[in-house]
Amino acid sequence: MTEPTDTADSTARTDSNPTADRFTVTPYAVEGEIDYEKLLERFGADQLTDEQLGRFPDHPLLRRRTFYAGRDVDSYLEAVEAGDIHAIVTGRGPSGPMHLGHVLPLYLAKRFQEVTGATVYIPLSDDEKFLAKSQSFDAIGEHTRDNVRDILAVGFDPDKTRIVVDTADADVIYPIAVRLATHLTPATVEAVYGEQDTVGLEFYPAVQATHLLLPQLVSGRQPTLVPIAVDQDPHVRVCRDIAAKEALPVAKPGALLGRFLPSLEGPGKMSSSDDAPSIELTADPDTVAEAIRTHAYTGGRATLEEHREHGGDPTVDVPFQYLRFFFESDDAELERIAAEYRSGDLLSGELKEIAIDRITEFLDAHQRRRAALGDVATEIRPYRLTDEERQQALERAGVPSSLER
């Protein structure tokens, strides 16, 4: 499948007939019921094959095809199999508290690190959220510190992990972004992202490209894989286009594209920025139970009698989908739950209780690690770029300090 050029339209919509329901997927808006296969046609990515999935570290997010497509996956897998250096990049936009949907790519990245020894880079785009979310620097800073605490609670290896905050690491991020920005035109940005409200957001794709190339600028050319929700794919496409044009010692980053964890209310993605309920990583058991019991869309029948006779539909049942995405790791147990639900032996309320138990168990472990952390400014120090790494990145990018020229 051919990859789109930098002028490809990243707004995917159903258009096989004029009356079809439309959907939009961009880094700044996700609307409608998403056709994930059509997105691959629009974005020019390739569906993962069974052979590729078998070469990845085992994880439910992969073997159940929540992460279902990618770019340059084979070059990354070949590096892993050869024992060559390789990196993962997956970030966070700190505009509010983190919820379950935000943290899944981080736990996947941790699994890669544990099994393959991947170096993991986690950029936090606090500057973008200041530009896009109409929040003060103080508010964004508070969200950033809170999000960093959740990222640290995942349990990454500090020797193989770098957490980068755009405003805190501007001495590295900004000069590299300026160099990369020479390959971006307003027409390119508008074609990929749509018309932007400020020149800051028009510039921001250069910052995102810096994030994705940073492992190679720090440690040398290497395959880099970016596990992200599919709405973030335009950032990877633009970076790949820049990497092809810029004379830097880097390879195009690859991508691992994932489906959205659905909102409790049904199709779409879980979001902390709209009216749909979400389960934050700091939610207590009562809050989790109340959210799922009250708001979770089910695939059950209208009456108990109908459900016992005809059974439920796990493919649209949100509590089941949460189990399928991440929170029930045992495939046999997941299939047992699905079979009993389809047969009508398992009721929607009972399925909700299973999801509540699994999610509460996950959050309890995460929150224990979170609570054990000390001051964030101290805890993050082993994960920050060293002075030597900063210098290497700038030198490889060809942008030494003005005072050194």
Protein backbone atom coordinates (compact mmCIF):
# COMPACT_ATOMS: atom_id res chain seq x y z
CA MET A 1 0.00 0.00 0.00
CA THR A 2 1.47 3.38 -0.93
CA GLU A 3 2.10 5.96 1.73
CA PRO A 4 0.33 9.32 1.36
CA THR A 5 2.37 12.35 0.47
CA ASP A 6 2.64 15.29 2.86
CA THR A 7 -0.39 16.84 1.19
CA ALA A 8 -2.71 13.89 1.89
CA ASP A 9 -5.98 14.69 3.63
CA SER A 10 -5.88 13.16 7.13
CA THR A 11 -9.59 13.65 7.75
CA ALA A 12 -11.03 10.20 7.15
CA ARG A 13 -14.72 9.94 6.28
CA THR A 14 -17.05 7.32 4.92
CA ASP A 15 -17.81 8.28 1.37
CA SER A 16 -18.71 5.11 -0.49
CA ASN A 17 -22.12 6.72 -0.97
CA PRO A 18 -23.30 10.31 -0.52
CA THR A 19 -25.62 9.48 2.37
CA ALA A 20 -23.18 7.40 4.41
CA ASP A 21 -22.51 8.49 7.97
CA ARG A 22 -19.28 10.43 8.12
CA PHE A 23 -16.49 10.19 10.65
CA THR A 24 -13.47 12.38 11.33
CA VAL A 25 -10.14 11.29 12.77
CA THR A 26 -7.40 13.88 13.29
CA PRO A 27 -5.04 14.64 16.19
CA TYR A 28 -7.48 17.34 17.31
CA ALA A 29 -10.90 15.78 16.64
CA VAL A 30 -12.44 12.31 16.59
CA GLU A 31 -16.10 12.20 15.64
CA GLY A 32 -18.57 9.58 14.44
CA GLU A 33 -18.43 5.79 14.26
CA ILE A 34 -14.98 4.90 12.96
CA ASP A 35 -14.33 2.50 10.11
CA TYR A 36 -10.81 1.33 11.00
CA GLU A 37 -10.25 -0.47 7.70
CA LYS A 38 -11.18 2.64 5.71
CA LEU A 39 -8.73 4.61 7.85
CA LEU A 40 -5.94 2.41 6.52
CA GLU A 41 -6.93 3.32 2.98
CA ARG A 42 -6.99 7.01 3.87
CA PHE A 43 -3.77 7.03 5.89
CA GLY A 44 -1.86 4.55 3.75
CA ALA A 45 -0.88 2.18 6.55
CA ASP A 46 -0.77 -1.62 6.37
CA GLN A 47 -2.72 -4.06 8.48
CA LEU A 48 -0.49 -6.23 10.67
CA THR A 49 -0.14 -9.81 9.44
CA ASP A 50 -0.32 -12.89 11.64
CA GLU A 51 3.38 -13.43 10.97
CA GLN A 52 4.28 -9.94 12.18
CA LEU A 53 2.11 -10.24 15.27
CA GLY A 54 3.85 -13.49 16.14
CA ARG A 55 7.23 -11.74 16.15
CA PHE A 56 6.20 -9.08 18.65
CA PRO A 57 6.40 -9.63 22.42
CA ASP A 58 3.20 -11.34 23.52
CA HIS A 59 0.61 -8.83 24.77
CA PRO A 60 -3.21 -8.77 24.63
CA LEU A 61 -3.18 -5.37 22.92
CA LEU A 62 -1.38 -7.02 20.00
CA ARG A 63 -2.65 -10.57 19.82
CA ARG A 64 -6.26 -9.29 19.93
CA ARG A 65 -5.45 -6.69 17.25
CA THR A 66 -6.24 -3.59 19.27
CA PHE A 67 -3.00 -2.40 17.70
CA TYR A 68 -3.88 -3.53 14.21
CA ALA A 69 -1.79 -1.66 11.64
CA GLY A 70 1.57 -0.03 11.13
CA ARG A 71 4.39 1.33 9.00
CA ASP A 72 7.91 -0.09 8.66
CA VAL A 73 7.14 -2.73 11.26
CA ASP A 74 9.47 -5.31 9.68
CA SER A 75 12.60 -3.16 9.99
CA TYR A 76 11.87 -2.71 13.69
CA LEU A 77 11.25 -6.42 14.23
CA GLU A 78 14.44 -7.33 12.34
CA ALA A 79 16.46 -5.08 14.65
CA VAL A 80 14.88 -6.70 17.70
CA GLU A 81 15.63 -10.20 16.39
CA ALA A 82 19.23 -9.26 15.54
CA GLY A 83 19.83 -7.72 18.96
CA ASP A 84 20.46 -4.29 17.41
CA ILE A 85 19.55 -1.06 19.16
CA HIS A 86 15.96 0.08 18.73
CA ALA A 87 13.60 2.53 20.35
CA ILE A 88 9.97 3.13 21.20
CA VAL A 89 8.42 6.62 21.28
CA THR A 90 5.03 7.20 22.86
CA GLY A 91 3.96 10.43 24.50
CA ARG A 92 1.32 12.34 26.36
CA GLY A 93 -0.46 15.65 25.90
CA PRO A 94 -0.95 16.90 29.48
CA SER A 95 -4.27 18.73 29.25
CA GLY A 96 -5.89 16.94 32.19
CA PRO A 97 -5.75 13.83 34.37
CA MET A 98 -4.79 10.58 32.67
CA HIS A 99 -7.47 7.94 32.16
CA LEU A 100 -7.44 4.29 31.13
CA GLY A 101 -7.22 5.03 27.41
CA HIS A 102 -4.13 7.18 27.85
CA VAL A 103 -2.10 4.62 29.74
CA LEU A 104 -2.51 1.53 27.54
CA PRO A 105 0.27 2.46 25.03
CA LEU A 106 2.58 3.11 27.99
CA TYR A 107 2.06 -0.37 29.41
CA LEU A 108 2.64 -1.80 25.93
CA ALA A 109 5.88 0.18 25.66
CA LYS A 110 6.95 -1.16 29.05
CA ARG A 111 6.34 -4.70 27.80
CA PHE A 112 8.60 -4.05 24.80
CA GLN A 113 11.26 -2.66 27.10
CA GLU A 114 11.11 -5.70 29.39
CA VAL A 115 11.24 -8.27 26.60
CA THR A 116 13.44 -6.66 23.93
CA GLY A 117 15.46 -4.07 25.85
CA ALA A 118 14.01 -1.18 23.86
CA THR A 119 14.88 2.35 24.85
CA VAL A 120 11.61 4.21 25.48
CA TYR A 121 11.19 7.95 24.90
CA ILE A 122 8.12 9.65 26.37
CA PRO A 123 7.67 13.28 25.28
CA LEU A 124 5.08 15.47 27.03
CA SER A 125 3.74 18.18 24.73
CA ASP A 126 2.86 20.81 27.33
CA ASP A 127 3.45 23.59 24.81
CA GLU A 128 0.95 22.14 22.35
CA LYS A 129 -1.70 21.83 25.05
CA PHE A 130 -1.14 25.45 26.05
CA LEU A 131 -1.76 26.43 22.42
CA ALA A 132 -4.69 24.08 21.76
CA LYS A 133 -6.60 23.89 25.03
CA SER A 134 -6.88 27.53 26.19
CA GLN A 135 -5.41 26.68 29.58
CA SER A 136 -2.87 28.71 31.53
CA PHE A 137 0.75 27.66 31.87
CA ASP A 138 0.09 27.08 35.56
CA ALA A 139 -2.77 24.70 34.80
CA ILE A 140 -0.80 22.86 32.11
CA GLY A 141 2.17 22.62 34.48
CA GLU A 142 0.01 21.05 37.16
CA HIS A 143 -1.36 18.52 34.69
CA THR A 144 2.19 17.78 33.49
CA ARG A 145 3.45 17.00 36.98
CA ASP A 146 0.41 14.86 37.68
CA ASN A 147 0.81 12.98 34.38
CA VAL A 148 4.52 12.40 35.00
CA ARG A 149 3.60 10.74 38.30
CA ASP A 150 1.32 8.33 36.43
CA ILE A 151 3.98 7.66 33.79
CA LEU A 152 6.56 6.87 36.46
CA ALA A 153 4.05 4.54 38.15
CA VAL A 154 4.05 2.34 35.03
CA GLY A 155 7.50 1.19 36.12
CA PHE A 156 9.91 1.95 33.29
CA ASP A 157 13.62 1.24 33.61
CA PRO A 158 15.31 4.65 34.18
CA ASP A 159 18.47 3.48 32.42
CA LYS A 160 16.47 2.83 29.24
CA THR A 161 13.81 5.54 29.46
CA ARG A 162 13.85 9.24 28.74
CA ILE A 163 10.94 11.53 29.67
CA VAL A 164 11.07 14.82 27.78
CA VAL A 165 8.92 17.85 28.60
CA ASP A 166 8.88 20.39 25.79
CA THR A 167 9.13 23.58 27.85
CA ALA A 168 11.61 22.06 30.32
CA ASP A 169 13.79 20.64 27.53
CA ALA A 170 13.43 23.53 25.10
CA ASP A 171 17.23 23.87 24.87
CA VAL A 172 17.19 20.64 22.83
CA ILE A 173 13.70 20.50 21.37
CA TYR A 174 13.42 24.04 19.99
CA PRO A 175 16.60 24.34 17.87
CA ILE A 176 16.05 20.92 16.31
CA ALA A 177 12.40 21.79 15.58
CA VAL A 178 13.50 25.01 13.90
CA ARG A 179 15.78 23.07 11.58
CA LEU A 180 13.06 20.54 10.75
CA ALA A 181 10.51 23.32 10.20
CA THR A 182 12.34 24.41 7.09
CA HIS A 183 10.76 21.39 5.39
CA LEU A 184 7.20 22.28 6.38
CA THR A 185 5.04 24.67 4.43
CA PRO A 186 1.71 26.16 5.57
CA ALA A 187 0.07 24.24 2.73
CA THR A 188 1.47 20.95 4.05
CA VAL A 189 0.30 21.62 7.59
CA GLU A 190 -3.17 22.64 6.46
CA ALA A 191 -3.48 19.60 4.18
CA VAL A 192 -2.63 17.19 7.00
CA TYR A 193 -4.09 18.93 10.06
CA GLY A 194 -6.63 21.33 8.67
CA GLU A 195 -6.58 25.08 9.19
CA GLN A 196 -4.98 25.97 12.54
CA ASP A 197 -6.03 28.78 14.85
CA THR A 198 -2.54 30.07 15.63
CA VAL A 199 0.92 30.13 14.10
CA GLY A 200 2.02 28.18 17.18
CA LEU A 201 -0.06 25.19 16.14
CA GLU A 202 1.15 25.56 12.55
CA PHE A 203 4.73 25.24 13.86
CA TYR A 204 3.97 22.39 16.22
CA PRO A 205 4.35 19.50 13.69
CA ALA A 206 8.06 20.34 13.63
CA VAL A 207 8.15 19.79 17.40
CA GLN A 208 6.34 16.47 17.04
CA ALA A 209 8.86 15.42 14.39
CA THR A 210 11.63 16.29 16.83
CA HIS A 211 10.04 13.99 19.43
CA LEU A 212 9.96 11.08 17.01
CA LEU A 213 13.54 11.54 15.78
CA LEU A 214 15.07 12.24 19.20
CA PRO A 215 16.15 8.65 20.03
CA GLN A 216 18.21 8.57 16.83
CA LEU A 217 19.64 12.04 17.36
CA VAL A 218 20.73 11.03 20.86
CA SER A 219 22.01 7.52 20.20
CA GLY A 220 22.44 7.15 16.44
CA ARG A 221 20.45 5.75 13.54
CA GLN A 222 18.14 2.93 14.64
CA PRO A 223 14.65 1.57 13.94
CA THR A 224 12.08 3.47 15.97
CA LEU A 225 8.50 2.37 16.51
CA VAL A 226 5.71 4.69 17.64
CA PRO A 227 2.73 2.90 19.28
CA ILE A 228 -0.13 5.39 19.18
CA ALA A 229 -3.86 5.66 18.75
CA VAL A 230 -4.70 6.01 15.08
CA ASP A 231 -5.69 9.69 15.40
CA GLN A 232 -2.04 10.56 16.07
CA ASP A 233 -0.81 8.96 12.84
CA PRO A 234 -0.56 12.30 10.96
CA HIS A 235 2.35 13.25 13.24
CA VAL A 236 4.23 10.13 12.12
CA ARG A 237 3.44 10.73 8.46
CA VAL A 238 4.71 14.29 8.57
CA CYS A 239 7.86 13.21 10.41
CA ARG A 240 8.54 10.48 7.87
CA ASP A 241 8.22 13.05 5.10
CA ILE A 242 10.64 15.40 6.87
CA ALA A 243 13.12 12.59 7.56
CA ALA A 244 13.17 11.78 3.85
CA LYS A 245 14.04 15.39 3.00
CA GLU A 246 16.40 16.37 5.82
CA ALA A 247 20.05 15.35 5.62
CA LEU A 248 20.22 13.88 9.12
CA PRO A 249 21.62 10.50 10.29
CA VAL A 250 18.13 9.11 10.93
CA ALA A 251 15.70 6.58 9.50
CA LYS A 252 12.01 7.18 9.03
CA PRO A 253 10.19 6.25 12.25
CA GLY A 254 7.75 3.36 12.03
CA ALA A 255 4.29 3.28 13.57
CA LEU A 256 2.07 0.85 15.43
CA LEU A 257 -1.51 2.10 15.14
CA GLY A 258 -4.19 1.27 17.67
CA ARG A 259 -7.95 1.40 17.99
CA PHE A 260 -9.55 3.63 20.60
CA LEU A 261 -10.64 2.33 23.97
CA PRO A 262 -14.35 3.09 23.65
CA SER A 263 -16.21 5.60 25.73
CA LEU A 264 -18.42 4.06 28.38
CA GLU A 265 -21.35 5.41 26.40
CA GLY A 266 -20.50 3.39 23.31
CA PRO A 267 -18.65 3.81 19.98
CA GLY A 268 -15.89 6.41 19.78
CA LYS A 269 -12.85 6.96 21.97
CA MET A 270 -12.66 7.52 25.70
CA SER A 271 -12.00 11.21 26.26
CA SER A 272 -11.37 13.47 29.24
CA SER A 273 -12.20 16.56 27.19
CA ASP A 274 -15.89 16.00 26.41
CA ASP A 275 -19.06 15.02 28.26
CA ALA A 276 -18.58 11.27 27.98
CA PRO A 277 -17.54 9.70 31.30
CA SER A 278 -14.03 8.34 31.62
CA ILE A 279 -12.21 6.36 34.30
CA GLU A 280 -9.19 8.27 35.57
CA LEU A 281 -6.12 6.48 36.86
CA THR A 282 -6.74 7.90 40.34
CA ALA A 283 -10.36 6.69 40.52
CA ASP A 284 -11.27 4.80 43.70
CA PRO A 285 -13.21 1.50 43.57
CA ASP A 286 -16.56 3.17 44.29
CA THR A 287 -16.04 5.66 41.45
CA VAL A 288 -15.12 2.86 39.03
CA ALA A 289 -18.16 0.83 40.05
CA GLU A 290 -20.52 3.80 39.78
CA ALA A 291 -19.18 4.79 36.33
CA ILE A 292 -19.56 1.30 34.87
CA ARG A 293 -22.88 0.41 36.52
CA THR A 294 -24.46 3.73 35.56
CA HIS A 295 -22.92 4.62 32.22
CA ALA A 296 -21.49 1.55 30.48
CA TYR A 297 -23.27 0.67 27.24
CA THR A 298 -24.18 -3.02 27.13
CA GLY A 299 -24.96 -5.59 24.48
CA GLY A 300 -27.71 -7.12 26.58
CA ARG A 301 -31.38 -7.48 25.76
CA ALA A 302 -34.17 -5.20 26.93
CA THR A 303 -35.61 -7.72 29.38
CA LEU A 304 -34.25 -10.58 31.46
CA GLU A 305 -36.43 -13.06 29.58
CA GLU A 306 -35.17 -11.90 26.17
CA HIS A 307 -31.56 -12.00 27.36
CA ARG A 308 -31.91 -15.54 28.71
CA GLU A 309 -33.48 -16.65 25.42
CA HIS A 310 -31.39 -14.78 22.86
CA GLY A 311 -28.21 -13.82 24.73
CA GLY A 312 -26.11 -10.66 24.54
CA ASP A 313 -23.68 -9.26 22.00
CA PRO A 314 -20.13 -8.92 23.40
CA THR A 315 -18.90 -7.13 20.26
CA VAL A 316 -20.81 -3.97 21.25
CA ASP A 317 -20.76 -4.43 25.01
CA VAL A 318 -18.39 -1.84 26.51
CA PRO A 319 -17.53 -3.76 29.72
CA PHE A 320 -16.59 -6.75 27.58
CA GLN A 321 -14.52 -4.56 25.25
CA TYR A 322 -12.58 -3.24 28.24
CA LEU A 323 -11.80 -6.83 29.22
CA ARG A 324 -10.81 -7.62 25.64
CA PHE A 325 -8.54 -4.61 25.22
CA PHE A 326 -6.42 -5.10 28.30
CA PHE A 327 -8.05 -6.03 31.57
CA GLU A 328 -8.49 -9.80 31.06
CA SER A 329 -5.17 -11.23 29.95
CA ASP A 330 -6.28 -14.88 29.76
CA ASP A 331 -7.68 -15.64 26.29
CA ALA A 332 -9.50 -18.77 27.46
CA GLU A 333 -11.21 -16.88 30.27
CA LEU A 334 -12.17 -14.09 27.89
CA GLU A 335 -13.74 -16.58 25.49
CA ARG A 336 -15.60 -18.26 28.35
CA ILE A 337 -17.09 -14.90 29.35
CA ALA A 338 -18.07 -14.14 25.74
CA ALA A 339 -19.66 -17.58 25.25
CA GLU A 340 -21.71 -17.34 28.45
CA TYR A 341 -22.84 -13.83 27.49
CA ARG A 342 -23.91 -14.93 24.01
CA SER A 343 -25.82 -17.87 25.44
CA GLY A 344 -27.67 -15.70 27.93
CA ASP A 345 -26.18 -17.49 30.96
CA LEU A 346 -24.22 -14.35 31.88
CA LEU A 347 -26.25 -11.18 32.42
CA SER A 348 -25.16 -7.65 31.54
CA GLY A 349 -25.04 -6.68 35.20
CA GLU A 350 -22.83 -9.67 35.96
CA LEU A 351 -20.51 -8.81 33.09
CA LYS A 352 -20.26 -5.27 34.44
CA GLU A 353 -19.18 -6.64 37.82
CA ILE A 354 -16.42 -8.71 36.20
CA ALA A 355 -15.12 -5.59 34.44
CA ILE A 356 -15.31 -3.58 37.66
CA ASP A 357 -13.24 -6.22 39.48
CA ARG A 358 -10.54 -6.41 36.79
CA ILE A 359 -10.24 -2.63 36.34
CA THR A 360 -10.18 -2.03 40.10
CA GLU A 361 -7.43 -4.62 40.48
CA PHE A 362 -5.36 -2.93 37.77
CA LEU A 363 -5.87 0.54 39.24
CA ASP A 364 -5.03 -0.62 42.76
CA ALA A 365 -1.60 -1.84 41.61
CA HIS A 366 -1.00 1.32 39.58
CA GLN A 367 -2.07 3.59 42.44
CA ARG A 368 0.15 1.78 44.95
CA ARG A 369 3.20 2.43 42.78
CA ARG A 370 2.04 6.01 42.23
CA ALA A 371 1.64 6.66 45.96
CA ALA A 372 5.10 5.26 46.68
CA LEU A 373 6.73 7.97 44.54
CA GLY A 374 8.25 11.00 46.19
CA ASP A 375 8.50 14.53 44.81
CA VAL A 376 8.06 14.40 41.03
CA ALA A 377 10.92 16.83 40.34
CA THR A 378 13.24 14.46 42.19
CA GLU A 379 11.78 11.21 40.86
CA ILE A 380 12.05 12.28 37.22
CA ARG A 381 15.78 13.15 37.35
CA PRO A 382 17.08 9.68 36.36
CA TYR A 383 14.74 9.76 33.34
CA ARG A 384 15.83 13.12 31.95
CA LEU A 385 18.28 13.65 29.12
CA THR A 386 21.84 13.93 30.37
CA ASP A 387 24.09 16.82 29.37
CA GLU A 388 26.00 14.48 27.08
CA GLU A 389 22.80 13.26 25.42
CA ARG A 390 21.63 16.83 24.85
CA GLN A 391 24.93 17.70 23.22
CA GLN A 392 24.85 14.58 21.03
CA ALA A 393 21.33 15.33 19.84
CA LEU A 394 22.20 18.89 18.88
CA GLU A 395 25.42 17.87 17.15
CA ARG A 396 23.73 15.14 15.12
CA ALA A 397 21.04 17.61 14.15
CA GLY A 398 23.70 20.07 13.07
CA VAL A 399 22.55 22.81 15.43
CA PRO A 400 25.26 23.48 18.05
CA SER A 401 24.74 26.30 20.49
CA SER A 402 25.08 29.80 19.03
CA LEU A 403 27.77 30.49 21.62
CA GLU A 404 29.82 27.56 20.20
CA ARG A 405 29.68 28.59 16.55
